[in-house]
Amino acid sequence: MHKTETTTGTLYVVATPIGNLEDITARAIRVLSEVDLIAAEDTRHSTRLLQHFSIRTPLAACHDHNERDEGGRFISRLLAGDNVALISDAGTPLISDPGFHLVKQARQAGIKVVPIPGVSAVIAALSAAGLPSDRFTFEGFLPAKSVARNSRLELLREETRTMIFYEAPHRLLESVAAMRDVFGAQRLAVLARELTKTFETIKALPLAQLHDWISQDSDQQRGECVILISGFEQEHSVDVDLKSQQIMQLLMAELPVKKAAALAANITGLRKNVLYQWALDNKKPE
C-alpha cells in the first residue's frame, strides 16, 4: 500500500471471523498487516486475533462511546496519507457494530472507503436456516424494554419477508416469547446460535415449540444468537366460524371495520386480516 505526501489514505472496512479463525480471508490478513493503523471496537479482543496471525499493526479504539467524538483523529491520519483498517470484535463492521460514523465522515471528506468482505452472522444464519432468502429484512437487536420490543414486533406482524434479528443471550427467552405472542405460536422460526463455534446450533421449530425448547435447555441461552422468522403469509383459506361472524356483526354496528376486526381478533383468536377481509366481503351496502 503505497502513499505519498499529496494523496489521502484509504479506509478499509475489514470483516473478521465470528468464531472459527479459519474463516478470515487471505486479503483481510494482508490488509491488516499492511495498513498504518487498525481502528478496533475492542483493542484487547482484537489483540488476540492479530497475535494469532502475527500481525503487528498498531491498534486504536473505535467503539460506540468514542466514535462520534474521536473519529476525527482517524480522519486526520487518513487525510495525512495513512491507510486505516476498521474492524469490529467479530464479523462485518457496521452490521450492529460501530463504524457508521467513521465511514460517513471518511466519505464526506473525500476519502476512499474499500470493503474487505468476509463473514457476517446475518448471511451465515440465513444460508443455513432453510427459510426463503430471495427477500429478507435485517432488524438487528430488538429494544430491551418489553413495551418497546412489543411495539416493534407489532409493526412487523405482517412483514412478508424473512426477518432476521440479533439477540443477547440473557434476553433470548423473553424475546422469543414476545415473538410467539405477536407472530403466533405456529410461525416457523430458526435459532442460529454460536455460529462457526464448537457448540454451533441451528434449530427450526414453530415459535411456541422453540420457546419451550430453549427454556428447557439453559445451554441454548448462552452465546451469540441470531433469530430468523418466516414471513407472514395471507391466509385466504381460513374460514370465519359462525360465532366469530356474529361477534364481527355486533362490533361493526358500533365501530369502523378496522377497529372491529382488531377487537374481534383479540376475542376469537383469528387473525385480524382474515376478519377484516370477511367484513369487506360481507358488509352491507349503505
C-alpha atoms as a PDB file:
ATOM      1  CA  MET A   1       0.000   0.000   0.000  1.00  0.00           C
ATOM      2  CA  HIS A   2       1.940   2.967  -1.285  1.00  0.00           C
ATOM      3  CA  LYS A   3       1.242   6.540  -0.241  1.00  0.00           C
ATOM      4  CA  THR A   4       2.701   9.936  -0.961  1.00  0.00           C
ATOM      5  CA  GLU A   5       2.514  13.256   0.804  1.00  0.00           C
ATOM      6  CA  THR A   6      -0.013  14.557  -1.725  1.00  0.00           C
ATOM      7  CA  THR A   7      -2.561  11.723  -1.538  1.00  0.00           C
ATOM      8  CA  THR A   8      -5.010  10.716   1.136  1.00  0.00           C
ATOM      9  CA  GLY A   9      -5.038   7.271   2.628  1.00  0.00           C
ATOM     10  CA  THR A  10      -7.706   4.605   2.266  1.00  0.00           C
ATOM     11  CA  LEU A  11     -10.147   3.388   4.885  1.00  0.00           C
ATOM     12  CA  TYR A  12     -10.563  -0.388   4.674  1.00  0.00           C
ATOM     13  CA  VAL A  13     -13.672  -1.919   6.270  1.00  0.00           C
ATOM     14  CA  VAL A  14     -12.476  -5.421   7.142  1.00  0.00           C
ATOM     15  CA  ALA A  15     -14.647  -8.387   8.114  1.00  0.00           C
ATOM     16  CA  THR A  16     -13.135 -10.733  10.710  1.00  0.00           C
ATOM     17  CA  PRO A  17     -14.209 -14.212  11.903  1.00  0.00           C
ATOM     18  CA  ILE A  18     -17.275 -14.626  14.134  1.00  0.00           C
ATOM     19  CA  GLY A  19     -15.785 -17.684  15.775  1.00  0.00           C
ATOM     20  CA  ASN A  20     -13.687 -20.017  13.656  1.00  0.00           C
ATOM     21  CA  LEU A  21     -10.419 -18.230  12.844  1.00  0.00           C
ATOM     22  CA  GLU A  22     -10.075 -20.214   9.620  1.00  0.00           C
ATOM     23  CA  ASP A  23     -12.854 -18.042   8.167  1.00  0.00           C
ATOM     24  CA  ILE A  24     -10.620 -14.983   7.804  1.00  0.00           C
ATOM     25  CA  THR A  25      -9.673 -14.245   4.208  1.00  0.00           C
ATOM     26  CA  ALA A  26      -6.146 -14.015   2.842  1.00  0.00           C
ATOM     27  CA  ARG A  27      -6.950 -10.484   1.662  1.00  0.00           C
ATOM     28  CA  ALA A  28      -8.038  -9.443   5.171  1.00  0.00           C
ATOM     29  CA  ILE A  29      -4.772 -10.724   6.653  1.00  0.00           C
ATOM     30  CA  ARG A  30      -2.751  -8.851   4.026  1.00  0.00           C
ATOM     31  CA  VAL A  31      -4.642  -5.585   4.507  1.00  0.00           C
ATOM     32  CA  LEU A  32      -4.424  -5.734   8.298  1.00  0.00           C
ATOM     33  CA  SER A  33      -0.684  -6.363   8.006  1.00  0.00           C
ATOM     34  CA  GLU A  34      -0.032  -3.520   5.575  1.00  0.00           C
ATOM     35  CA  VAL A  35      -2.136  -0.607   6.872  1.00  0.00           C
ATOM     36  CA  ASP A  36      -0.645   2.009   9.177  1.00  0.00           C
ATOM     37  CA  LEU A  37      -3.339   1.747  11.861  1.00  0.00           C
ATOM     38  CA  ILE A  38      -6.237  -0.516  12.828  1.00  0.00           C
ATOM     39  CA  ALA A  39      -9.356   1.073  14.351  1.00  0.00           C
ATOM     40  CA  ALA A  40     -10.826  -1.669  16.562  1.00  0.00           C
ATOM     41  CA  GLU A  41     -14.048  -1.952  18.564  1.00  0.00           C
ATOM     42  CA  ASP A  42     -12.177  -3.578  21.476  1.00  0.00           C
ATOM     43  CA  THR A  43      -8.385  -3.420  21.313  1.00  0.00           C
ATOM     44  CA  ARG A  44      -7.984  -6.179  23.914  1.00  0.00           C
ATOM     45  CA  HIS A  45     -10.164  -8.555  21.912  1.00  0.00           C
ATOM     46  CA  SER A  46      -8.551  -7.667  18.604  1.00  0.00           C
ATOM     47  CA  THR A  47      -5.023  -8.022  20.019  1.00  0.00           C
ATOM     48  CA  ARG A  48      -5.628 -11.769  20.392  1.00  0.00           C
ATOM     49  CA  LEU A  49      -6.775 -12.023  16.763  1.00  0.00           C
ATOM     50  CA  LEU A  50      -3.781 -10.114  15.456  1.00  0.00           C
ATOM     51  CA  GLN A  51      -1.327 -12.103  17.562  1.00  0.00           C
ATOM     52  CA  HIS A  52      -2.768 -15.343  16.153  1.00  0.00           C
ATOM     53  CA  PHE A  53      -1.906 -14.187  12.628  1.00  0.00           C
ATOM     54  CA  SER A  54       1.372 -12.466  13.635  1.00  0.00           C
ATOM     55  CA  ILE A  55       0.044  -9.043  12.640  1.00  0.00           C
ATOM     56  CA  ARG A  56       1.921  -6.214  14.383  1.00  0.00           C
ATOM     57  CA  THR A  57      -0.010  -3.180  13.129  1.00  0.00           C
ATOM     58  CA  PRO A  58      -0.803  -0.609  15.881  1.00  0.00           C
ATOM     59  CA  LEU A  59      -4.342  -0.573  17.279  1.00  0.00           C
ATOM     60  CA  ALA A  60      -6.605   2.287  18.395  1.00  0.00           C
ATOM     61  CA  ALA A  61     -10.072   2.103  19.920  1.00  0.00           C
ATOM     62  CA  CYS A  62     -13.114   2.942  17.793  1.00  0.00           C
ATOM     63  CA  HIS A  63     -16.252   1.954  19.685  1.00  0.00           C
ATOM     64  CA  ASP A  64     -19.785   3.182  20.396  1.00  0.00           C
ATOM     65  CA  HIS A  65     -18.680   5.523  23.182  1.00  0.00           C
ATOM     66  CA  ASN A  66     -15.944   7.393  21.321  1.00  0.00           C
ATOM     67  CA  GLU A  67     -16.681   7.004  17.632  1.00  0.00           C
ATOM     68  CA  ARG A  68     -18.535  10.306  17.178  1.00  0.00           C
ATOM     69  CA  ASP A  69     -16.063  12.387  19.177  1.00  0.00           C
ATOM     70  CA  GLU A  70     -12.762  10.762  18.313  1.00  0.00           C
ATOM     71  CA  GLY A  71     -13.404   9.683  14.743  1.00  0.00           C
ATOM     72  CA  GLY A  72     -11.665  12.885  13.705  1.00  0.00           C
ATOM     73  CA  ARG A  73      -8.264  11.556  14.677  1.00  0.00           C
ATOM     74  CA  PHE A  74      -8.677   8.674  12.215  1.00  0.00           C
ATOM     75  CA  ILE A  75      -9.816  11.125   9.549  1.00  0.00           C
ATOM     76  CA  SER A  76      -6.736  13.252  10.246  1.00  0.00           C
ATOM     77  CA  ARG A  77      -4.479  10.238   9.784  1.00  0.00           C
ATOM     78  CA  LEU A  78      -6.281   9.321   6.552  1.00  0.00           C
ATOM     79  CA  LEU A  79      -6.037  12.877   5.204  1.00  0.00           C
ATOM     80  CA  ALA A  80      -2.316  12.837   6.015  1.00  0.00           C
ATOM     81  CA  GLY A  81      -1.901   9.796   3.772  1.00  0.00           C
ATOM     82  CA  ASP A  82      -2.070   6.916   6.241  1.00  0.00           C
ATOM     83  CA  ASN A  83      -4.123   3.817   5.460  1.00  0.00           C
ATOM     84  CA  VAL A  84      -6.506   2.696   8.206  1.00  0.00           C
ATOM     85  CA  ALA A  85      -8.410  -0.576   8.658  1.00  0.00           C
ATOM     86  CA  LEU A  86     -11.684  -0.676  10.579  1.00  0.00           C
ATOM     87  CA  ILE A  87     -12.607  -3.916  12.373  1.00  0.00           C
ATOM     88  CA  SER A  88     -15.222  -4.932  14.937  1.00  0.00           C
ATOM     89  CA  ASP A  89     -14.984  -7.663  17.562  1.00  0.00           C
ATOM     90  CA  ALA A  90     -16.381 -10.190  15.089  1.00  0.00           C
ATOM     91  CA  GLY A  91     -17.952 -10.233  11.653  1.00  0.00           C
ATOM     92  CA  THR A  92     -18.514  -7.280   9.349  1.00  0.00           C
ATOM     93  CA  PRO A  93     -18.186  -3.779  10.873  1.00  0.00           C
ATOM     94  CA  LEU A  94     -21.299  -1.534  10.948  1.00  0.00           C
ATOM     95  CA  ILE A  95     -23.692  -4.541  10.996  1.00  0.00           C
ATOM     96  CA  SER A  96     -24.993  -3.900  14.531  1.00  0.00           C
ATOM     97  CA  ASP A  97     -21.414  -2.849  15.324  1.00  0.00           C
ATOM     98  CA  PRO A  98     -19.582   0.514  15.457  1.00  0.00           C
ATOM     99  CA  GLY A  99     -18.163   2.160  12.355  1.00  0.00           C
ATOM    100  CA  PHE A 100     -21.025   4.009  10.674  1.00  0.00           C
ATOM    101  CA  HIS A 101     -19.911   7.445  11.830  1.00  0.00           C
ATOM    102  CA  LEU A 102     -16.306   6.868  10.822  1.00  0.00           C
ATOM    103  CA  VAL A 103     -17.259   5.617   7.357  1.00  0.00           C
ATOM    104  CA  LYS A 104     -19.675   8.537   6.906  1.00  0.00           C
ATOM    105  CA  GLN A 105     -17.023  11.064   7.971  1.00  0.00           C
ATOM    106  CA  ALA A 106     -14.473   9.478   5.635  1.00  0.00           C
ATOM    107  CA  ARG A 107     -16.780   9.618   2.633  1.00  0.00           C
ATOM    108  CA  GLN A 108     -17.736  13.210   3.409  1.00  0.00           C
ATOM    109  CA  ALA A 109     -14.031  14.079   3.498  1.00  0.00           C
ATOM    110  CA  GLY A 110     -13.491  12.519   0.084  1.00  0.00           C
ATOM    111  CA  ILE A 111     -11.523   9.581   1.477  1.00  0.00           C
ATOM    112  CA  LYS A 112     -11.701   6.308  -0.413  1.00  0.00           C
ATOM    113  CA  VAL A 113     -13.533   3.553   1.509  1.00  0.00           C
ATOM    114  CA  VAL A 114     -12.862  -0.037   0.465  1.00  0.00           C
ATOM    115  CA  PRO A 115     -14.810  -3.058   1.801  1.00  0.00           C
ATOM    116  CA  ILE A 116     -12.852  -6.235   2.535  1.00  0.00           C
ATOM    117  CA  PRO A 117     -15.772  -8.709   2.664  1.00  0.00           C
ATOM    118  CA  GLY A 118     -15.959 -11.803   4.781  1.00  0.00           C
ATOM    119  CA  VAL A 119     -18.108 -13.350   7.478  1.00  0.00           C
ATOM    120  CA  SER A 120     -21.428 -11.878   8.595  1.00  0.00           C
ATOM    121  CA  ALA A 121     -23.635 -13.721  11.104  1.00  0.00           C
ATOM    122  CA  VAL A 122     -26.739 -12.445   9.287  1.00  0.00           C
ATOM    123  CA  ILE A 123     -25.812 -14.101   5.997  1.00  0.00           C
ATOM    124  CA  ALA A 124     -24.297 -17.191   7.615  1.00  0.00           C
ATOM    125  CA  ALA A 125     -27.535 -17.836   9.538  1.00  0.00           C
ATOM    126  CA  LEU A 126     -29.756 -17.176   6.529  1.00  0.00           C
ATOM    127  CA  SER A 127     -27.729 -19.502   4.312  1.00  0.00           C
ATOM    128  CA  ALA A 128     -28.389 -22.483   6.612  1.00  0.00           C
ATOM    129  CA  ALA A 129     -31.853 -21.686   8.002  1.00  0.00           C
ATOM    130  CA  GLY A 130     -33.978 -23.167   5.243  1.00  0.00           C
ATOM    131  CA  LEU A 131     -36.210 -20.072   5.130  1.00  0.00           C
ATOM    132  CA  PRO A 132     -36.880 -18.026   1.969  1.00  0.00           C
ATOM    133  CA  SER A 133     -33.761 -15.998   1.192  1.00  0.00           C
ATOM    134  CA  ASP A 134     -34.718 -14.195  -2.011  1.00  0.00           C
ATOM    135  CA  ARG A 135     -36.083 -11.302   0.081  1.00  0.00           C
ATOM    136  CA  PHE A 136     -35.307 -10.659   3.751  1.00  0.00           C
ATOM    137  CA  THR A 137     -35.080  -7.853   6.282  1.00  0.00           C
ATOM    138  CA  PHE A 138     -32.420  -7.479   8.959  1.00  0.00           C
ATOM    139  CA  GLU A 139     -33.895  -5.888  12.092  1.00  0.00           C
ATOM    140  CA  GLY A 140     -30.810  -6.011  14.333  1.00  0.00           C
ATOM    141  CA  PHE A 141     -31.401  -6.015  18.102  1.00  0.00           C
ATOM    142  CA  LEU A 142     -34.913  -5.523  19.458  1.00  0.00           C
ATOM    143  CA  PRO A 143     -35.425  -2.911  22.202  1.00  0.00           C
ATOM    144  CA  ALA A 144     -34.548  -4.194  25.678  1.00  0.00           C
ATOM    145  CA  LYS A 145     -37.751  -2.912  27.313  1.00  0.00           C
ATOM    146  CA  SER A 146     -40.820  -5.108  26.805  1.00  0.00           C
ATOM    147  CA  VAL A 147     -43.222  -2.340  25.741  1.00  0.00           C
ATOM    148  CA  ALA A 148     -40.878  -1.002  23.070  1.00  0.00           C
ATOM    149  CA  ARG A 149     -39.999  -4.527  21.962  1.00  0.00           C
ATOM    150  CA  ASN A 150     -43.661  -5.484  21.523  1.00  0.00           C
ATOM    151  CA  SER A 151     -44.350  -2.270  19.625  1.00  0.00           C
ATOM    152  CA  ARG A 152     -41.519  -3.021  17.190  1.00  0.00           C
ATOM    153  CA  LEU A 153     -42.776  -6.579  16.674  1.00  0.00           C
ATOM    154  CA  GLU A 154     -46.347  -5.380  16.102  1.00  0.00           C
ATOM    155  CA  LEU A 155     -45.075  -3.243  13.227  1.00  0.00           C
ATOM    156  CA  LEU A 156     -43.567  -6.393  11.714  1.00  0.00           C
ATOM    157  CA  ARG A 157     -46.547  -8.695  12.286  1.00  0.00           C
ATOM    158  CA  GLU A 158     -47.497  -8.825   8.594  1.00  0.00           C
ATOM    159  CA  GLU A 159     -43.984  -8.467   7.141  1.00  0.00           C
ATOM    160  CA  THR A 160     -43.869 -10.973   4.253  1.00  0.00           C
ATOM    161  CA  ARG A 161     -40.071 -11.198   4.027  1.00  0.00           C
ATOM    162  CA  THR A 162     -37.935 -13.453   6.195  1.00  0.00           C
ATOM    163  CA  MET A 163     -36.988 -11.437   9.293  1.00  0.00           C
ATOM    164  CA  ILE A 164     -33.575 -11.673  10.959  1.00  0.00           C
ATOM    165  CA  PHE A 165     -32.797 -10.455  14.476  1.00  0.00           C
ATOM    166  CA  TYR A 166     -29.772 -10.430  16.764  1.00  0.00           C
ATOM    167  CA  GLU A 167     -30.391 -11.020  20.457  1.00  0.00           C
ATOM    168  CA  ALA A 168     -28.342 -11.049  23.634  1.00  0.00           C
ATOM    169  CA  PRO A 169     -28.428 -14.444  25.385  1.00  0.00           C
ATOM    170  CA  HIS A 170     -29.946 -13.065  28.606  1.00  0.00           C
ATOM    171  CA  ARG A 171     -32.901 -11.663  26.633  1.00  0.00           C
ATOM    172  CA  LEU A 172     -33.318 -14.575  24.223  1.00  0.00           C
ATOM    173  CA  LEU A 173     -36.151 -16.350  26.024  1.00  0.00           C
ATOM    174  CA  GLU A 174     -38.288 -13.263  26.596  1.00  0.00           C
ATOM    175  CA  SER A 175     -37.779 -12.093  23.016  1.00  0.00           C
ATOM    176  CA  VAL A 176     -38.862 -15.451  21.591  1.00  0.00           C
ATOM    177  CA  ALA A 177     -41.894 -15.353  23.924  1.00  0.00           C
ATOM    178  CA  ALA A 178     -42.792 -11.903  22.598  1.00  0.00           C
ATOM    179  CA  MET A 179     -42.410 -13.119  19.016  1.00  0.00           C
ATOM    180  CA  ARG A 180     -44.665 -16.077  19.780  1.00  0.00           C
ATOM    181  CA  ASP A 181     -47.325 -13.789  21.222  1.00  0.00           C
ATOM    182  CA  VAL A 182     -47.203 -11.297  18.351  1.00  0.00           C
ATOM    183  CA  PHE A 183     -46.488 -13.502  15.320  1.00  0.00           C
ATOM    184  CA  GLY A 184     -48.425 -16.546  16.500  1.00  0.00           C
ATOM    185  CA  ALA A 185     -47.472 -19.867  18.072  1.00  0.00           C
ATOM    186  CA  GLN A 186     -47.219 -21.671  14.727  1.00  0.00           C
ATOM    187  CA  ARG A 187     -44.989 -19.169  12.881  1.00  0.00           C
ATOM    188  CA  LEU A 188     -41.822 -21.015  11.852  1.00  0.00           C
ATOM    189  CA  ALA A 189     -38.617 -19.698  13.418  1.00  0.00           C
ATOM    190  CA  VAL A 190     -34.942 -20.647  13.467  1.00  0.00           C
ATOM    191  CA  LEU A 191     -32.426 -20.138  16.256  1.00  0.00           C
ATOM    192  CA  ALA A 192     -28.863 -19.926  14.921  1.00  0.00           C
ATOM    193  CA  ARG A 193     -26.533 -19.833  17.920  1.00  0.00           C
ATOM    194  CA  GLU A 194     -22.735 -19.776  18.261  1.00  0.00           C
ATOM    195  CA  LEU A 195     -22.252 -19.945  14.503  1.00  0.00           C
ATOM    196  CA  THR A 196     -18.898 -21.424  13.386  1.00  0.00           C
ATOM    197  CA  LYS A 197     -18.021 -22.238  17.003  1.00  0.00           C
ATOM    198  CA  THR A 198     -17.753 -25.562  18.833  1.00  0.00           C
ATOM    199  CA  PHE A 199     -21.340 -25.589  20.092  1.00  0.00           C
ATOM    200  CA  GLU A 200     -22.998 -24.256  16.958  1.00  0.00           C
ATOM    201  CA  THR A 201     -26.775 -24.793  16.977  1.00  0.00           C
ATOM    202  CA  ILE A 202     -29.283 -24.278  14.164  1.00  0.00           C
ATOM    203  CA  LYS A 203     -32.779 -25.256  15.312  1.00  0.00           C
ATOM    204  CA  ALA A 204     -36.019 -24.752  13.369  1.00  0.00           C
ATOM    205  CA  LEU A 205     -39.390 -25.002  15.137  1.00  0.00           C
ATOM    206  CA  PRO A 206     -42.710 -23.161  15.371  1.00  0.00           C
ATOM    207  CA  LEU A 207     -42.276 -20.272  17.814  1.00  0.00           C
ATOM    208  CA  ALA A 208     -44.189 -21.882  20.692  1.00  0.00           C
ATOM    209  CA  GLN A 209     -42.124 -25.064  20.449  1.00  0.00           C
ATOM    210  CA  LEU A 210     -38.894 -23.130  20.002  1.00  0.00           C
ATOM    211  CA  HIS A 211     -39.617 -21.142  23.173  1.00  0.00           C
ATOM    212  CA  ASP A 212     -40.242 -24.334  25.144  1.00  0.00           C
ATOM    213  CA  TRP A 213     -37.120 -25.979  23.732  1.00  0.00           C
ATOM    214  CA  ILE A 214     -34.937 -23.013  24.708  1.00  0.00           C
ATOM    215  CA  SER A 215     -36.490 -22.777  28.192  1.00  0.00           C
ATOM    216  CA  GLN A 216     -35.772 -26.449  28.856  1.00  0.00           C
ATOM    217  CA  ASP A 217     -32.075 -26.212  27.947  1.00  0.00           C
ATOM    218  CA  SER A 218     -30.071 -23.466  29.641  1.00  0.00           C
ATOM    219  CA  ASP A 219     -27.170 -24.098  27.244  1.00  0.00           C
ATOM    220  CA  GLN A 220     -29.304 -22.623  24.453  1.00  0.00           C
ATOM    221  CA  GLN A 221     -29.458 -19.355  26.393  1.00  0.00           C
ATOM    222  CA  ARG A 222     -25.732 -18.697  26.003  1.00  0.00           C
ATOM    223  CA  GLY A 223     -23.502 -17.244  23.333  1.00  0.00           C
ATOM    224  CA  GLU A 224     -24.201 -15.200  20.208  1.00  0.00           C
ATOM    225  CA  CYS A 225     -27.756 -15.614  18.921  1.00  0.00           C
ATOM    226  CA  VAL A 226     -29.467 -14.975  15.592  1.00  0.00           C
ATOM    227  CA  ILE A 227     -33.240 -15.474  15.325  1.00  0.00           C
ATOM    228  CA  LEU A 228     -34.897 -15.880  11.932  1.00  0.00           C
ATOM    229  CA  ILE A 229     -38.676 -15.692  11.485  1.00  0.00           C
ATOM    230  CA  SER A 230     -40.585 -16.787   8.399  1.00  0.00           C
ATOM    231  CA  GLY A 231     -42.564 -14.052   6.698  1.00  0.00           C
ATOM    232  CA  PHE A 232     -46.295 -13.516   7.052  1.00  0.00           C
ATOM    233  CA  GLU A 233     -48.494 -15.483   4.687  1.00  0.00           C
ATOM    234  CA  GLN A 234     -52.016 -14.367   3.803  1.00  0.00           C
ATOM    235  CA  GLU A 235     -54.450 -16.999   4.995  1.00  0.00           C
ATOM    236  CA  HIS A 236     -57.123 -16.902   2.324  1.00  0.00           C
ATOM    237  CA  SER A 237     -58.381 -20.371   3.168  1.00  0.00           C
ATOM    238  CA  VAL A 238     -59.216 -19.677   6.818  1.00  0.00           C
ATOM    239  CA  ASP A 239     -62.943 -19.926   7.486  1.00  0.00           C
ATOM    240  CA  VAL A 240     -64.628 -17.471   9.813  1.00  0.00           C
ATOM    241  CA  ASP A 241     -66.894 -19.589  12.023  1.00  0.00           C
ATOM    242  CA  LEU A 242     -70.462 -18.588  12.827  1.00  0.00           C
ATOM    243  CA  LYS A 243     -69.652 -17.330  16.331  1.00  0.00           C
ATOM    244  CA  SER A 244     -66.871 -15.109  15.017  1.00  0.00           C
ATOM    245  CA  GLN A 245     -69.181 -13.789  12.317  1.00  0.00           C
ATOM    246  CA  GLN A 246     -71.742 -12.846  14.975  1.00  0.00           C
ATOM    247  CA  ILE A 247     -69.090 -11.076  17.031  1.00  0.00           C
ATOM    248  CA  MET A 248     -67.957  -9.145  13.965  1.00  0.00           C
ATOM    249  CA  GLN A 249     -71.501  -8.122  13.114  1.00  0.00           C
ATOM    250  CA  LEU A 250     -72.086  -6.808  16.634  1.00  0.00           C
ATOM    251  CA  LEU A 251     -68.825  -4.866  16.652  1.00  0.00           C
ATOM    252  CA  MET A 252     -69.310  -3.486  13.136  1.00  0.00           C
ATOM    253  CA  ALA A 253     -72.617  -1.986  14.244  1.00  0.00           C
ATOM    254  CA  GLU A 254     -70.672   0.282  16.624  1.00  0.00           C
ATOM    255  CA  LEU A 255     -67.144   0.521  15.255  1.00  0.00           C
ATOM    256  CA  PRO A 256     -65.270   1.091  11.994  1.00  0.00           C
ATOM    257  CA  VAL A 257     -64.390  -2.157  10.220  1.00  0.00           C
ATOM    258  CA  LYS A 258     -60.678  -1.955  11.013  1.00  0.00           C
ATOM    259  CA  LYS A 259     -61.248  -1.453  14.749  1.00  0.00           C
ATOM    260  CA  ALA A 260     -63.935  -4.137  14.791  1.00  0.00           C
ATOM    261  CA  ALA A 261     -61.557  -6.624  13.172  1.00  0.00           C
ATOM    262  CA  ALA A 262     -58.762  -5.792  15.641  1.00  0.00           C
ATOM    263  CA  LEU A 263     -61.059  -6.244  18.648  1.00  0.00           C
ATOM    264  CA  ALA A 264     -62.621  -9.420  17.246  1.00  0.00           C
ATOM    265  CA  ALA A 265     -59.147 -10.860  16.661  1.00  0.00           C
ATOM    266  CA  ASN A 266     -58.388 -10.455  20.389  1.00  0.00           C
ATOM    267  CA  ILE A 267     -61.688 -12.144  21.290  1.00  0.00           C
ATOM    268  CA  THR A 268     -61.683 -15.027  18.792  1.00  0.00           C
ATOM    269  CA  GLY A 269     -58.007 -15.709  18.208  1.00  0.00           C
ATOM    270  CA  LEU A 270     -58.445 -15.394  14.429  1.00  0.00           C
ATOM    271  CA  ARG A 271     -56.083 -13.159  12.516  1.00  0.00           C
ATOM    272  CA  LYS A 272     -57.123  -9.544  12.174  1.00  0.00           C
ATOM    273  CA  ASN A 273     -56.608  -9.512   8.407  1.00  0.00           C
ATOM    274  CA  VAL A 274     -58.862 -12.582   7.972  1.00  0.00           C
ATOM    275  CA  LEU A 275     -61.666 -10.929   9.920  1.00  0.00           C
ATOM    276  CA  TYR A 276     -61.131  -7.648   8.097  1.00  0.00           C
ATOM    277  CA  GLN A 277     -61.400  -9.361   4.713  1.00  0.00           C
ATOM    278  CA  TRP A 278     -64.544 -11.196   5.816  1.00  0.00           C
ATOM    279  CA  ALA A 279     -66.039  -7.866   6.878  1.00  0.00           C
ATOM    280  CA  LEU A 280     -65.286  -6.289   3.499  1.00  0.00           C
ATOM    281  CA  ASP A 281     -66.799  -9.263   1.698  1.00  0.00           C
ATOM    282  CA  ASN A 282     -69.947  -9.235   3.831  1.00  0.00           C
ATOM    283  CA  LYS A 283     -70.505  -5.579   4.639  1.00  0.00           C
ATOM    284  CA  LYS A 284     -73.989  -4.498   3.694  1.00  0.00           C
ATOM    285  CA  PRO A 285     -74.137  -1.592   1.257  1.00  0.00           C
ATOM    286  CA  GLU A 286     -75.170   1.672   2.908  1.00  0.00           C
END
